Structures are given as C-alpha cells and as structure tokens.
Protein backbone atom coordinates (compact mmCIF):
# COMPACT_ATOMS: atom_id res chain seq x y z
CA MET A 1 -2.09 -55.99 -17.43
CA THR A 2 -1.92 -55.78 -13.62
CA ILE A 3 1.87 -55.84 -13.77
CA MET A 4 1.79 -52.55 -15.71
CA ILE A 5 0.31 -50.59 -12.81
CA PRO A 6 3.34 -50.95 -10.46
CA ILE A 7 5.72 -50.21 -13.34
CA PHE A 8 3.69 -47.14 -14.27
CA LEU A 9 3.66 -45.94 -10.63
CA PHE A 10 7.43 -46.45 -10.37
CA VAL A 11 8.09 -44.47 -13.58
CA ALA A 12 5.67 -41.71 -12.53
CA GLY A 13 7.31 -41.44 -9.09
CA ARG A 14 10.78 -41.25 -10.61
CA CYS A 15 9.70 -38.58 -13.10
CA ARG A 16 8.01 -36.65 -10.30
CA ARG A 17 11.21 -36.69 -8.22
CA PHE A 18 13.22 -35.51 -11.24
CA MET A 19 10.72 -32.69 -11.95
CA ARG A 20 10.71 -31.65 -8.27
CA ASN A 21 14.52 -31.37 -8.26
CA ALA A 22 14.41 -29.37 -11.50
CA SER A 23 11.76 -27.08 -10.04
CA ILE A 24 13.84 -26.49 -6.91
CA GLN A 25 16.87 -25.64 -9.05
CA VAL A 26 14.83 -23.15 -11.12
CA LYS A 27 13.52 -21.52 -7.94
CA ARG A 28 17.05 -21.21 -6.54
CA THR A 29 18.28 -19.61 -9.77
CA THR A 30 15.35 -17.21 -9.83
CA ALA A 31 15.88 -16.37 -6.16
CA SER A 32 19.50 -15.46 -6.83
CA ILE A 33 18.60 -13.28 -9.82
CA ASN A 34 15.69 -11.36 -8.23
CA PRO A 35 17.67 -9.47 -5.56
CA GLU A 36 20.22 -8.33 -8.12
CA PHE A 37 17.44 -7.18 -10.43
CA GLU A 38 15.61 -5.34 -7.64
CA SER A 39 18.86 -3.71 -6.55
CA CYS A 40 19.50 -2.47 -10.08
CA LEU A 41 15.98 -1.08 -10.37
CA SER A 42 16.27 0.63 -7.00
CA GLY A 43 19.58 2.14 -8.03
CA ILE A 44 18.10 3.43 -11.27
CA LYS A 45 15.13 4.97 -9.44
CA THR A 46 17.43 6.60 -6.90
CA ALA A 47 19.69 8.00 -9.60
CA LYS A 48 16.72 9.38 -11.50
CA ALA A 49 15.29 10.91 -8.32
CA PHE A 50 18.55 12.71 -7.55
CA ALA A 51 18.94 13.88 -11.13
CA ASN A 52 15.34 15.00 -11.16
CA GLU A 53 15.26 16.47 -7.66
CA ALA A 54 13.46 19.68 -8.60
CA ALA A 55 10.60 17.84 -10.28
CA GLU A 56 10.26 15.41 -7.37
CA LEU A 57 10.21 18.32 -4.91
CA ASN A 58 7.48 20.02 -6.94
CA LYS A 59 5.43 16.81 -6.92
CA PHE A 60 5.86 16.52 -3.15
CA ASN A 61 4.86 20.14 -2.56
CA ALA A 62 1.75 19.76 -4.74
CA ALA A 63 0.70 16.60 -2.88
CA ASN A 64 1.40 18.29 0.47
CA HIS A 65 -0.73 21.28 -0.55
CA LYS A 66 -3.65 19.02 -1.51
CA TYR A 67 -3.29 17.19 1.80
CA GLY A 68 -3.34 20.47 3.75
CA ILE A 69 -6.46 21.65 1.98
CA PHE A 70 -8.16 18.33 2.71
CA MET A 71 -7.33 18.56 6.40
CA CYS A 72 -8.74 22.08 6.63
CA ILE A 73 -11.87 21.27 4.65
CA LEU A 74 -12.60 18.09 6.61
CA SER A 75 -13.66 19.90 9.81
CA ALA A 76 -15.71 22.43 7.86
CA ALA A 77 -17.42 19.65 5.91
CA VAL A 78 -18.28 17.77 9.10
CA ILE A 79 -19.85 20.87 10.60
CA ALA A 80 -21.70 21.78 7.39
CA VAL A 81 -23.12 18.33 6.72
CA GLY A 82 -23.81 17.77 10.41
CA GLY A 83 -25.56 21.15 10.64
CA ALA A 84 -27.75 20.24 7.68
CA LEU A 85 -28.62 16.92 9.30
CA VAL A 86 -29.41 18.66 12.59
CA MET A 87 -31.73 21.05 10.72
CA ARG A 88 -33.52 18.05 9.15
CA GLU A 89 -33.66 16.44 12.60
CA GLU A 90 -31.78 13.38 11.35
CA LEU A 91 -28.90 14.03 13.78
CA ASN A 92 -28.90 15.54 17.23
CA LEU A 93 -26.51 18.27 18.33
CA ILE A 94 -24.64 16.06 20.81
CA ASP A 95 -23.78 13.55 18.06
CA LEU A 96 -22.56 16.36 15.82
CA ILE A 97 -20.29 17.72 18.55
CA THR A 98 -19.04 14.22 19.34
CA PHE A 99 -18.23 13.50 15.71
CA SER A 100 -16.56 16.89 15.30
CA LEU A 101 -14.35 16.18 18.33
CA TYR A 102 -13.60 12.73 16.93
CA VAL A 103 -12.42 14.23 13.62
CA THR A 104 -10.33 16.83 15.45
CA THR A 105 -8.78 14.13 17.63
CA PHE A 106 -7.96 12.14 14.50
CA ILE A 107 -6.43 15.08 12.61
CA THR A 108 -4.34 16.65 15.42
CA PRO A 109 -1.58 13.97 15.58
CA ILE A 110 -1.33 13.97 11.80
CA ARG A 111 -0.86 17.75 11.75
CA ARG A 112 1.82 17.52 14.43
CA LEU A 113 3.61 14.83 12.49
CA SER A 114 3.47 16.84 9.25
CA VAL A 115 4.94 19.88 11.04
CA ILE A 116 7.80 17.78 12.41
CA LEU A 117 8.60 16.32 9.00
C-alpha cells in the first residue's frame, strides 16, 4: 500500500507537466488569434464610422452641447446652493467664494482645451 503513494505522485506529476504544456500551447494559440480578431473589429468600427460620418458627427455635437450646458450651469448651481446655505447659516460667505473660485479654476482649463479641439 505504501508503494502506491510514490507511484501515484509520479503519475500525477507527469500528468501535471503534460497539462501545463497543453495549457501553454492553448494560451499561445489564443494570443496569436486575439490581435487579429481585435484588428478586424477595429477595422469594422472604423469603416462603419467613416460610412456613418454624419450620424457620428451629430452624436458628437449633441454630447458637446450637453457638456457646454453642464459647464455653464455648474457655476450657477454652486452660487445658488451656496447662497441658500449662507442664508440658512450652514455655510459662511468666505467658504462660498472659495468654493466658487475652486470650481472656476477647475473649469477654465477644460474650456480652453475644448476651444482648442
């Protein structure tokens, strides 16, 4: 009975080595297929985008419009909510001004970047 344990360990080790080699081979095959597949998908998406340029441009303009509205409303919302909190004495005026300047400082580079693009 004790002689079976070394034999079992030998067989298990050999099978493990065989399975590891098979796993490595499957991973290599998959790795060679994935870039080709991704390239094909990218090509299809690019072709569809060029064929559908007007629709993509409309989507971009709609998203850009929503973004512009958000940027304009953000400062007004900070002042409105901050003003309400100042009136309820939950926020002091200096903190409201500081936060308003913080939001303006955050938004200004984004606006410059969007004008450049």
